[in-house]
PDB file of N, CA and C in Angstrom:
ATOM      1  N   MET A   1     -24.231  15.135   8.933  1.00  0.00           N
ATOM      2  CA  MET A   1     -22.959  15.278   8.249  1.00  0.00           C
ATOM      3  C   MET A   1     -22.814  14.134   7.252  1.00  0.00           C
ATOM      4  N   GLY A   2     -22.273  14.419   6.081  1.00  0.00           N
ATOM      5  CA  GLY A   2     -22.118  13.419   5.031  1.00  0.00           C
ATOM      6  C   GLY A   2     -20.843  12.615   5.170  1.00  0.00           C
ATOM      7  N   ILE A   3     -20.670  11.741   4.233  1.00  0.00           N
ATOM      8  CA  ILE A   3     -19.477  10.895   4.178  1.00  0.00           C
ATOM      9  C   ILE A   3     -18.477  11.532   3.230  1.00  0.00           C
ATOM     10  N   ASN A   4     -17.220  11.583   3.651  1.00  0.00           N
ATOM     11  CA  ASN A   4     -16.147  12.062   2.785  1.00  0.00           C
ATOM     12  C   ASN A   4     -15.479  10.861   2.130  1.00  0.00           C
ATOM     13  N   TYR A   5     -15.504  10.842   0.804  1.00  0.00           N
ATOM     14  CA  TYR A   5     -14.890   9.762   0.044  1.00  0.00           C
ATOM     15  C   TYR A   5     -13.522  10.184  -0.464  1.00  0.00           C
ATOM     16  N   GLY A   6     -12.589   9.265  -0.414  1.00  0.00           N
ATOM     17  CA  GLY A   6     -11.309   9.418  -1.090  1.00  0.00           C
ATOM     18  C   GLY A   6     -11.351   8.519  -2.304  1.00  0.00           C
ATOM     19  N   TYR A   7     -11.331   9.111  -3.503  1.00  0.00           N
ATOM     20  CA  TYR A   7     -11.466   8.333  -4.740  1.00  0.00           C
ATOM     21  C   TYR A   7     -10.112   8.236  -5.432  1.00  0.00           C
ATOM     22  N   ILE A   8      -9.711   7.014  -5.733  1.00  0.00           N
ATOM     23  CA  ILE A   8      -8.429   6.758  -6.374  1.00  0.00           C
ATOM     24  C   ILE A   8      -8.683   5.877  -7.590  1.00  0.00           C
ATOM     25  N   ARG A   9      -8.155   6.326  -8.749  1.00  0.00           N
ATOM     26  CA  ARG A   9      -8.340   5.547  -9.963  1.00  0.00           C
ATOM     27  C   ARG A   9      -7.007   5.353 -10.668  1.00  0.00           C
ATOM     28  N   VAL A  10      -6.768   4.134 -11.066  1.00  0.00           N
ATOM     29  CA  VAL A  10      -5.637   3.823 -11.937  1.00  0.00           C
ATOM     30  C   VAL A  10      -6.196   3.123 -13.166  1.00  0.00           C
ATOM     31  N   SER A  11      -5.439   3.173 -14.255  1.00  0.00           N
ATOM     32  CA  SER A  11      -5.925   2.628 -15.524  1.00  0.00           C
ATOM     33  C   SER A  11      -5.624   1.154 -15.724  1.00  0.00           C
ATOM     34  N   THR A  12      -4.570   0.663 -15.085  1.00  0.00           N
ATOM     35  CA  THR A  12      -4.190  -0.734 -15.299  1.00  0.00           C
ATOM     36  C   THR A  12      -3.869  -1.403 -13.972  1.00  0.00           C
ATOM     37  N   VAL A  13      -3.917  -2.708 -13.970  1.00  0.00           N
ATOM     38  CA  VAL A  13      -3.591  -3.467 -12.755  1.00  0.00           C
ATOM     39  C   VAL A  13      -2.108  -3.359 -12.420  1.00  0.00           C
ATOM     40  N   ASN A  14      -1.294  -2.894 -13.364  1.00  0.00           N
ATOM     41  CA  ASN A  14       0.143  -2.727 -13.119  1.00  0.00           C
ATOM     42  C   ASN A  14       0.454  -1.440 -12.362  1.00  0.00           C
ATOM     43  N   GLN A  15      -0.522  -0.551 -12.240  1.00  0.00           N
ATOM     44  CA  GLN A  15      -0.324   0.703 -11.520  1.00  0.00           C
ATOM     45  C   GLN A  15      -0.757   0.534 -10.073  1.00  0.00           C
ATOM     46  N   SER A  16      -0.227   1.386  -9.209  1.00  0.00           N
ATOM     47  CA  SER A  16      -0.527   1.308  -7.786  1.00  0.00           C
ATOM     48  C   SER A  16      -1.304   2.543  -7.338  1.00  0.00           C
ATOM     49  N   THR A  17      -2.195   2.323  -6.398  1.00  0.00           N
ATOM     50  CA  THR A  17      -2.953   3.438  -5.825  1.00  0.00           C
ATOM     51  C   THR A  17      -2.246   4.039  -4.615  1.00  0.00           C
ATOM     52  N   ASP A  18      -1.136   3.443  -4.195  1.00  0.00           N
ATOM     53  CA  ASP A  18      -0.461   3.851  -2.961  1.00  0.00           C
ATOM     54  C   ASP A  18      -0.049   5.320  -2.948  1.00  0.00           C
ATOM     55  N   VAL A  19       0.556   5.800  -4.026  1.00  0.00           N
ATOM     56  CA  VAL A  19       1.032   7.189  -4.068  1.00  0.00           C
ATOM     57  C   VAL A  19      -0.151   8.151  -4.033  1.00  0.00           C
ATOM     58  N   GLN A  20      -1.195   7.853  -4.798  1.00  0.00           N
ATOM     59  CA  GLN A  20      -2.375   8.715  -4.794  1.00  0.00           C
ATOM     60  C   GLN A  20      -2.996   8.775  -3.398  1.00  0.00           C
ATOM     61  N   ARG A  21      -3.147   7.627  -2.772  1.00  0.00           N
ATOM     62  CA  ARG A  21      -3.740   7.575  -1.430  1.00  0.00           C
ATOM     63  C   ARG A  21      -2.903   8.396  -0.445  1.00  0.00           C
ATOM     64  N   TYR A  22      -1.583   8.246  -0.520  1.00  0.00           N
ATOM     65  CA  TYR A  22      -0.684   8.994   0.363  1.00  0.00           C
ATOM     66  C   TYR A  22      -0.842  10.506   0.168  1.00  0.00           C
ATOM     67  N   GLU A  23      -0.853  10.957  -1.086  1.00  0.00           N
ATOM     68  CA  GLU A  23      -0.951  12.391  -1.358  1.00  0.00           C
ATOM     69  C   GLU A  23      -2.308  12.962  -0.942  1.00  0.00           C
ATOM     70  N   ILE A  24      -3.372  12.222  -1.186  1.00  0.00           N
ATOM     71  CA  ILE A  24      -4.699  12.678  -0.765  1.00  0.00           C
ATOM     72  C   ILE A  24      -4.772  12.741   0.754  1.00  0.00           C
ATOM     73  N   ALA A  25      -4.266  11.721   1.425  1.00  0.00           N
ATOM     74  CA  ALA A  25      -4.270  11.693   2.891  1.00  0.00           C
ATOM     75  C   ALA A  25      -3.441  12.840   3.461  1.00  0.00           C
ATOM     76  N   LYS A  26      -2.311  13.134   2.840  1.00  0.00           N
ATOM     77  CA  LYS A  26      -1.457  14.236   3.294  1.00  0.00           C
ATOM     78  C   LYS A  26      -2.204  15.572   3.159  1.00  0.00           C
ATOM     79  N   TYR A  27      -2.868  15.787   2.028  1.00  0.00           N
ATOM     80  CA  TYR A  27      -3.660  17.004   1.816  1.00  0.00           C
ATOM     81  C   TYR A  27      -4.766  17.104   2.872  1.00  0.00           C
ATOM     82  N   CYS A  28      -5.451  16.007   3.096  1.00  0.00           N
ATOM     83  CA  CYS A  28      -6.551  16.009   4.065  1.00  0.00           C
ATOM     84  C   CYS A  28      -6.054  16.314   5.474  1.00  0.00           C
ATOM     85  N   ASP A  29      -4.917  15.767   5.841  1.00  0.00           N
ATOM     86  CA  ASP A  29      -4.334  16.053   7.159  1.00  0.00           C
ATOM     87  C   ASP A  29      -4.042  17.545   7.303  1.00  0.00           C
ATOM     88  N   LEU A  30      -3.493  18.141   6.261  1.00  0.00           N
ATOM     89  CA  LEU A  30      -3.165  19.575   6.297  1.00  0.00           C
ATOM     90  C   LEU A  30      -4.401  20.452   6.414  1.00  0.00           C
ATOM     91  N   HIS A  31      -5.519  19.982   5.882  1.00  0.00           N
ATOM     92  CA  HIS A  31      -6.741  20.786   5.843  1.00  0.00           C
ATOM     93  C   HIS A  31      -7.829  20.260   6.776  1.00  0.00           C
ATOM     94  N   ASN A  32      -7.418  19.390   7.698  1.00  0.00           N
ATOM     95  CA  ASN A  32      -8.344  18.857   8.710  1.00  0.00           C
ATOM     96  C   ASN A  32      -9.596  18.226   8.083  1.00  0.00           C
ATOM     97  N   ILE A  33      -9.371  17.400   7.073  1.00  0.00           N
ATOM     98  CA  ILE A  33     -10.450  16.687   6.391  1.00  0.00           C
ATOM     99  C   ILE A  33     -10.296  15.203   6.717  1.00  0.00           C
ATOM    100  N   LYS A  34     -11.385  14.585   7.124  1.00  0.00           N
ATOM    101  CA  LYS A  34     -11.365  13.156   7.451  1.00  0.00           C
ATOM    102  C   LYS A  34     -11.983  12.373   6.296  1.00  0.00           C
ATOM    103  N   ILE A  35     -11.252  11.392   5.791  1.00  0.00           N
ATOM    104  CA  ILE A  35     -11.788  10.493   4.766  1.00  0.00           C
ATOM    105  C   ILE A  35     -12.487   9.347   5.488  1.00  0.00           C
ATOM    106  N   ASP A  36     -13.789   9.201   5.233  1.00  0.00           N
ATOM    107  CA  ASP A  36     -14.576   8.155   5.866  1.00  0.00           C
ATOM    108  C   ASP A  36     -14.508   6.832   5.105  1.00  0.00           C
ATOM    109  N   LYS A  37     -14.376   6.935   3.781  1.00  0.00           N
ATOM    110  CA  LYS A  37     -14.381   5.719   2.971  1.00  0.00           C
ATOM    111  C   LYS A  37     -13.508   5.945   1.736  1.00  0.00           C
ATOM    112  N   TRP A  38     -12.610   4.992   1.494  1.00  0.00           N
ATOM    113  CA  TRP A  38     -11.761   5.023   0.309  1.00  0.00           C
ATOM    114  C   TRP A  38     -12.397   4.166  -0.775  1.00  0.00           C
ATOM    115  N   VAL A  39     -12.374   4.665  -2.007  1.00  0.00           N
ATOM    116  CA  VAL A  39     -12.870   3.919  -3.155  1.00  0.00           C
ATOM    117  C   VAL A  39     -11.732   3.830  -4.160  1.00  0.00           C
ATOM    118  N   ASP A  40     -11.263   2.610  -4.398  1.00  0.00           N
ATOM    119  CA  ASP A  40     -10.204   2.361  -5.378  1.00  0.00           C
ATOM    120  C   ASP A  40     -10.837   1.759  -6.624  1.00  0.00           C
ATOM    121  N   GLU A  41     -10.346   2.201  -7.767  1.00  0.00           N
ATOM    122  CA  GLU A  41     -10.904   1.705  -9.013  1.00  0.00           C
ATOM    123  C   GLU A  41      -9.784   1.514 -10.031  1.00  0.00           C
ATOM    124  N   THR A  42      -9.845   0.392 -10.739  1.00  0.00           N
ATOM    125  CA  THR A  42      -8.910   0.136 -11.824  1.00  0.00           C
ATOM    126  C   THR A  42      -9.721   0.075 -13.109  1.00  0.00           C
ATOM    127  N   ILE A  43      -9.781   1.227 -13.785  1.00  0.00           N
ATOM    128  CA  ILE A  43     -10.577   1.329 -15.011  1.00  0.00           C
ATOM    129  C   ILE A  43     -10.106   2.561 -15.767  1.00  0.00           C
ATOM    130  N   SER A  44     -10.226   2.538 -17.048  1.00  0.00           N
ATOM    131  CA  SER A  44      -9.839   3.691 -17.854  1.00  0.00           C
ATOM    132  C   SER A  44     -10.749   4.875 -17.566  1.00  0.00           C
ATOM    133  N   GLY A  45     -10.173   6.059 -17.524  1.00  0.00           N
ATOM    134  CA  GLY A  45     -10.953   7.275 -17.324  1.00  0.00           C
ATOM    135  C   GLY A  45     -11.853   7.598 -18.498  1.00  0.00           C
ATOM    136  N   THR A  46     -11.663   6.912 -19.618  1.00  0.00           N
ATOM    137  CA  THR A  46     -12.509   7.151 -20.788  1.00  0.00           C
ATOM    138  C   THR A  46     -13.796   6.341 -20.753  1.00  0.00           C
ATOM    139  N   LYS A  47     -13.902   5.410 -19.808  1.00  0.00           N
ATOM    140  CA  LYS A  47     -15.131   4.612 -19.678  1.00  0.00           C
ATOM    141  C   LYS A  47     -16.263   5.483 -19.159  1.00  0.00           C
ATOM    142  N   LYS A  48     -17.473   5.185 -19.585  1.00  0.00           N
ATOM    143  CA  LYS A  48     -18.642   5.942 -19.129  1.00  0.00           C
ATOM    144  C   LYS A  48     -18.783   5.836 -17.622  1.00  0.00           C
ATOM    145  N   ILE A  49     -19.262   6.907 -17.015  1.00  0.00           N
ATOM    146  CA  ILE A  49     -19.404   6.947 -15.553  1.00  0.00           C
ATOM    147  C   ILE A  49     -20.340   5.847 -15.061  1.00  0.00           C
ATOM    148  N   GLN A  50     -21.299   5.442 -15.871  1.00  0.00           N
ATOM    149  CA  GLN A  50     -22.227   4.392 -15.461  1.00  0.00           C
ATOM    150  C   GLN A  50     -21.515   3.071 -15.211  1.00  0.00           C
ATOM    151  N   ASN A  51     -20.328   2.900 -15.783  1.00  0.00           N
ATOM    152  CA  ASN A  51     -19.574   1.661 -15.633  1.00  0.00           C
ATOM    153  C   ASN A  51     -18.489   1.764 -14.568  1.00  0.00           C
ATOM    154  N   ARG A  52     -18.512   2.834 -13.785  1.00  0.00           N
ATOM    155  CA  ARG A  52     -17.430   3.073 -12.825  1.00  0.00           C
ATOM    156  C   ARG A  52     -17.975   3.215 -11.408  1.00  0.00           C
ATOM    157  N   LYS A  53     -17.119   2.957 -10.431  1.00  0.00           N
ATOM    158  CA  LYS A  53     -17.489   3.147  -9.024  1.00  0.00           C
ATOM    159  C   LYS A  53     -17.738   4.621  -8.723  1.00  0.00           C
ATOM    160  N   LEU A  54     -17.136   5.496  -9.523  1.00  0.00           N
ATOM    161  CA  LEU A  54     -17.325   6.931  -9.332  1.00  0.00           C
ATOM    162  C   LEU A  54     -18.804   7.313  -9.394  1.00  0.00           C
ATOM    163  N   LYS A  55     -19.586   6.597 -10.176  1.00  0.00           N
ATOM    164  CA  LYS A  55     -21.023   6.882 -10.281  1.00  0.00           C
ATOM    165  C   LYS A  55     -21.698   6.794  -8.921  1.00  0.00           C
ATOM    166  N   TYR A  56     -21.328   5.807  -8.126  1.00  0.00           N
ATOM    167  CA  TYR A  56     -21.916   5.657  -6.786  1.00  0.00           C
ATOM    168  C   TYR A  56     -21.647   6.908  -5.956  1.00  0.00           C
ATOM    169  N   ILE A  57     -20.417   7.409  -6.015  1.00  0.00           N
ATOM    170  CA  ILE A  57     -20.062   8.596  -5.231  1.00  0.00           C
ATOM    171  C   ILE A  57     -20.850   9.802  -5.717  1.00  0.00           C
ATOM    172  N   VAL A  58     -20.905   9.985  -7.021  1.00  0.00           N
ATOM    173  CA  VAL A  58     -21.639  11.128  -7.592  1.00  0.00           C
ATOM    174  C   VAL A  58     -23.113  11.042  -7.224  1.00  0.00           C
ATOM    175  N   ASP A  59     -23.682   9.864  -7.317  1.00  0.00           N
ATOM    176  CA  ASP A  59     -25.108   9.681  -6.998  1.00  0.00           C
ATOM    177  C   ASP A  59     -25.421   9.977  -5.544  1.00  0.00           C
ATOM    178  N   HIS A  60     -24.438   9.782  -4.654  1.00  0.00           N
ATOM    179  CA  HIS A  60     -24.676  10.002  -3.231  1.00  0.00           C
ATOM    180  C   HIS A  60     -24.098  11.321  -2.718  1.00  0.00           C
ATOM    181  N   ALA A  61     -23.581  12.126  -3.620  1.00  0.00           N
ATOM    182  CA  ALA A  61     -23.001  13.406  -3.217  1.00  0.00           C
ATOM    183  C   ALA A  61     -24.096  14.380  -2.795  1.00  0.00           C
ATOM    184  N   LYS A  62     -23.752  15.189  -1.812  1.00  0.00           N
ATOM    185  CA  LYS A  62     -24.668  16.213  -1.340  1.00  0.00           C
ATOM    186  C   LYS A  62     -24.010  17.575  -1.500  1.00  0.00           C
ATOM    187  N   LYS A  63     -24.800  18.535  -1.900  1.00  0.00           N
ATOM    188  CA  LYS A  63     -24.285  19.889  -2.098  1.00  0.00           C
ATOM    189  C   LYS A  63     -23.696  20.420  -0.784  1.00  0.00           C
ATOM    190  N   GLY A  64     -22.520  21.054  -0.901  1.00  0.00           N
ATOM    191  CA  GLY A  64     -21.894  21.646   0.271  1.00  0.00           C
ATOM    192  C   GLY A  64     -20.872  20.729   0.867  1.00  0.00           C
TER     193      GLY A  64
END
């Protein structure tokens, strides 16, 4: 079985990941999904994936 990541991104240090984390956790609870590891990132969504933590998740993703 693989690892389920919860990915949260905000664009500035003035923004909070709390609301995103809460909403993702609420969805997962409703659908019986367990988040094994949370990844928080403060970076613009326009930055190349190679410069983001999201690349690690994509590189380790498994089909299914």
